[in-house]
């Protein structure tokens, strides 16, 4: 079931967001492109729908008008993100600052290398 994949993506994004304070798009946009098969535009529009209120409302509306938002996928990712954010925050507060900073930098490096070199 794809819904379980969407929840797992939301959980991973929420956990990493809770751990590193990053936006879910750092994880979700590449995951939606490479794992789900969405276009870059669809991935960005769907990710914005997850964070719709209040900061992304106008951006989501624009992507929606262009047909690049998948609210069904976004709803399941929100469920996983909600729980994952709590789990990641609990993990992060137990880690010393220096280790957390280095882990965050390593994570961003891996994401950037994958994004650059993935086909």
Protein backbone atom coordinates (compact mmCIF):
# COMPACT_ATOMS: atom_id res chain seq x y z
CA UNK A 1 0.00 0.00 0.00
CA UNK A 2 1.34 3.37 -1.01
CA UNK A 3 -0.33 4.98 2.00
CA UNK A 4 2.13 3.17 4.29
CA UNK A 5 5.03 4.52 2.22
CA UNK A 6 3.59 8.03 2.54
CA UNK A 7 3.24 7.66 6.32
CA UNK A 8 6.80 6.30 6.53
CA UNK A 9 8.07 9.29 4.52
CA UNK A 10 6.22 11.63 6.85
CA UNK A 11 7.64 9.82 9.86
CA UNK A 12 11.20 10.04 8.51
CA UNK A 13 10.78 13.71 7.64
CA UNK A 14 9.21 14.45 11.00
CA UNK A 15 11.92 12.58 12.89
CA UNK A 16 14.73 14.35 11.05
CA UNK A 17 12.90 17.67 11.38
CA UNK A 18 12.57 17.12 15.11
CA UNK A 19 16.22 16.10 15.38
CA UNK A 20 17.80 18.80 13.21
CA UNK A 21 15.19 21.55 12.97
CA UNK A 22 15.08 21.24 9.20
CA UNK A 23 12.08 21.66 6.98
CA UNK A 24 10.47 18.52 5.69
CA UNK A 25 11.23 19.50 2.12
CA UNK A 26 14.88 18.55 2.58
CA UNK A 27 13.76 14.95 2.88
CA UNK A 28 10.36 14.90 1.22
CA UNK A 29 11.14 16.53 -2.10
CA UNK A 30 13.91 14.06 -3.06
CA UNK A 31 11.87 11.16 -1.63
CA UNK A 32 8.74 12.08 -3.59
CA UNK A 33 10.79 12.41 -6.78
CA UNK A 34 12.94 9.29 -6.44
CA UNK A 35 10.72 6.91 -4.43
CA UNK A 36 7.21 7.94 -5.44
CA UNK A 37 7.99 9.11 -8.99
CA UNK A 38 6.52 12.60 -8.79
CA UNK A 39 7.94 15.39 -10.91
CA UNK A 40 10.00 18.06 -9.15
CA UNK A 41 7.07 20.47 -9.46
CA UNK A 42 4.60 17.92 -8.06
CA UNK A 43 6.97 17.08 -5.19
CA UNK A 44 7.41 20.75 -4.30
CA UNK A 45 3.68 21.48 -4.55
CA UNK A 46 2.76 18.44 -2.47
CA UNK A 47 5.39 19.25 0.16
CA UNK A 48 4.07 22.80 0.41
CA UNK A 49 0.57 21.38 0.96
CA UNK A 50 1.90 19.53 4.01
CA UNK A 51 3.01 22.82 5.53
CA UNK A 52 0.05 24.74 4.16
CA UNK A 53 -1.03 26.96 7.00
CA UNK A 54 -0.14 29.68 7.38
CA UNK A 55 3.22 30.20 5.71
CA UNK A 56 2.78 28.23 2.50
CA UNK A 57 -0.83 29.05 1.62
CA UNK A 58 -0.16 31.34 -1.35
CA UNK A 59 2.57 29.08 -2.74
CA UNK A 60 0.32 26.02 -2.44
CA UNK A 61 -2.51 27.84 -4.20
CA UNK A 62 -0.21 28.67 -7.11
CA UNK A 63 1.06 25.08 -7.40
CA UNK A 64 -2.53 23.81 -7.08
CA UNK A 65 -3.69 26.09 -9.90
CA UNK A 66 -0.98 24.54 -12.07
CA UNK A 67 -2.06 20.99 -11.15
CA UNK A 68 1.03 20.15 -9.09
CA UNK A 69 -0.45 19.31 -5.67
CA UNK A 70 -1.40 15.83 -4.43
CA UNK A 71 -3.46 16.46 -1.27
CA UNK A 72 -4.14 12.74 -0.78
CA UNK A 73 -0.41 11.99 -0.51
CA UNK A 74 0.14 15.10 1.63
CA UNK A 75 -2.49 13.98 4.19
CA UNK A 76 -0.76 10.66 4.88
CA UNK A 77 2.68 12.27 5.06
CA UNK A 78 1.28 14.76 7.60
CA UNK A 79 0.23 11.86 9.82
CA UNK A 80 3.72 10.36 9.81
CA UNK A 81 5.36 13.78 10.16
CA UNK A 82 3.33 14.59 13.26
CA UNK A 83 4.52 11.47 15.08
CA UNK A 84 8.04 11.55 13.62
CA UNK A 85 8.57 15.17 14.67
CA UNK A 86 7.87 14.22 18.26
CA UNK A 87 10.18 11.17 18.08
CA UNK A 88 13.01 13.16 16.45
CA UNK A 89 12.75 16.00 18.96
CA UNK A 90 13.02 13.51 21.82
CA UNK A 91 16.09 11.99 20.21
CA UNK A 92 17.76 15.33 19.54
CA UNK A 93 17.50 16.72 23.06
CA UNK A 94 19.46 13.71 24.32
CA UNK A 95 22.42 14.33 21.95
CA UNK A 96 25.25 16.77 22.73
CA UNK A 97 25.30 19.92 20.59
CA UNK A 98 28.56 19.16 18.75
CA UNK A 99 27.44 15.65 17.76
CA UNK A 100 24.06 16.94 16.63
CA UNK A 101 25.69 19.66 14.51
CA UNK A 102 28.05 17.18 12.86
CA UNK A 103 25.22 14.71 12.23
CA UNK A 104 23.16 17.49 10.65
CA UNK A 105 26.05 18.49 8.38
CA UNK A 106 26.62 14.88 7.36
CA UNK A 107 22.95 14.43 6.58
CA UNK A 108 22.88 17.54 4.38
CA UNK A 109 26.03 16.37 2.59
CA UNK A 110 24.49 12.98 1.82
CA UNK A 111 21.28 14.57 0.55
CA UNK A 112 23.20 17.00 -1.64
CA UNK A 113 25.43 14.29 -3.14
CA UNK A 114 22.43 12.07 -3.84
CA UNK A 115 20.55 14.95 -5.43
CA UNK A 116 23.51 15.90 -7.62
CA UNK A 117 24.46 12.41 -8.79
CA UNK A 118 21.12 10.54 -8.91
CA UNK A 119 19.78 9.89 -12.39
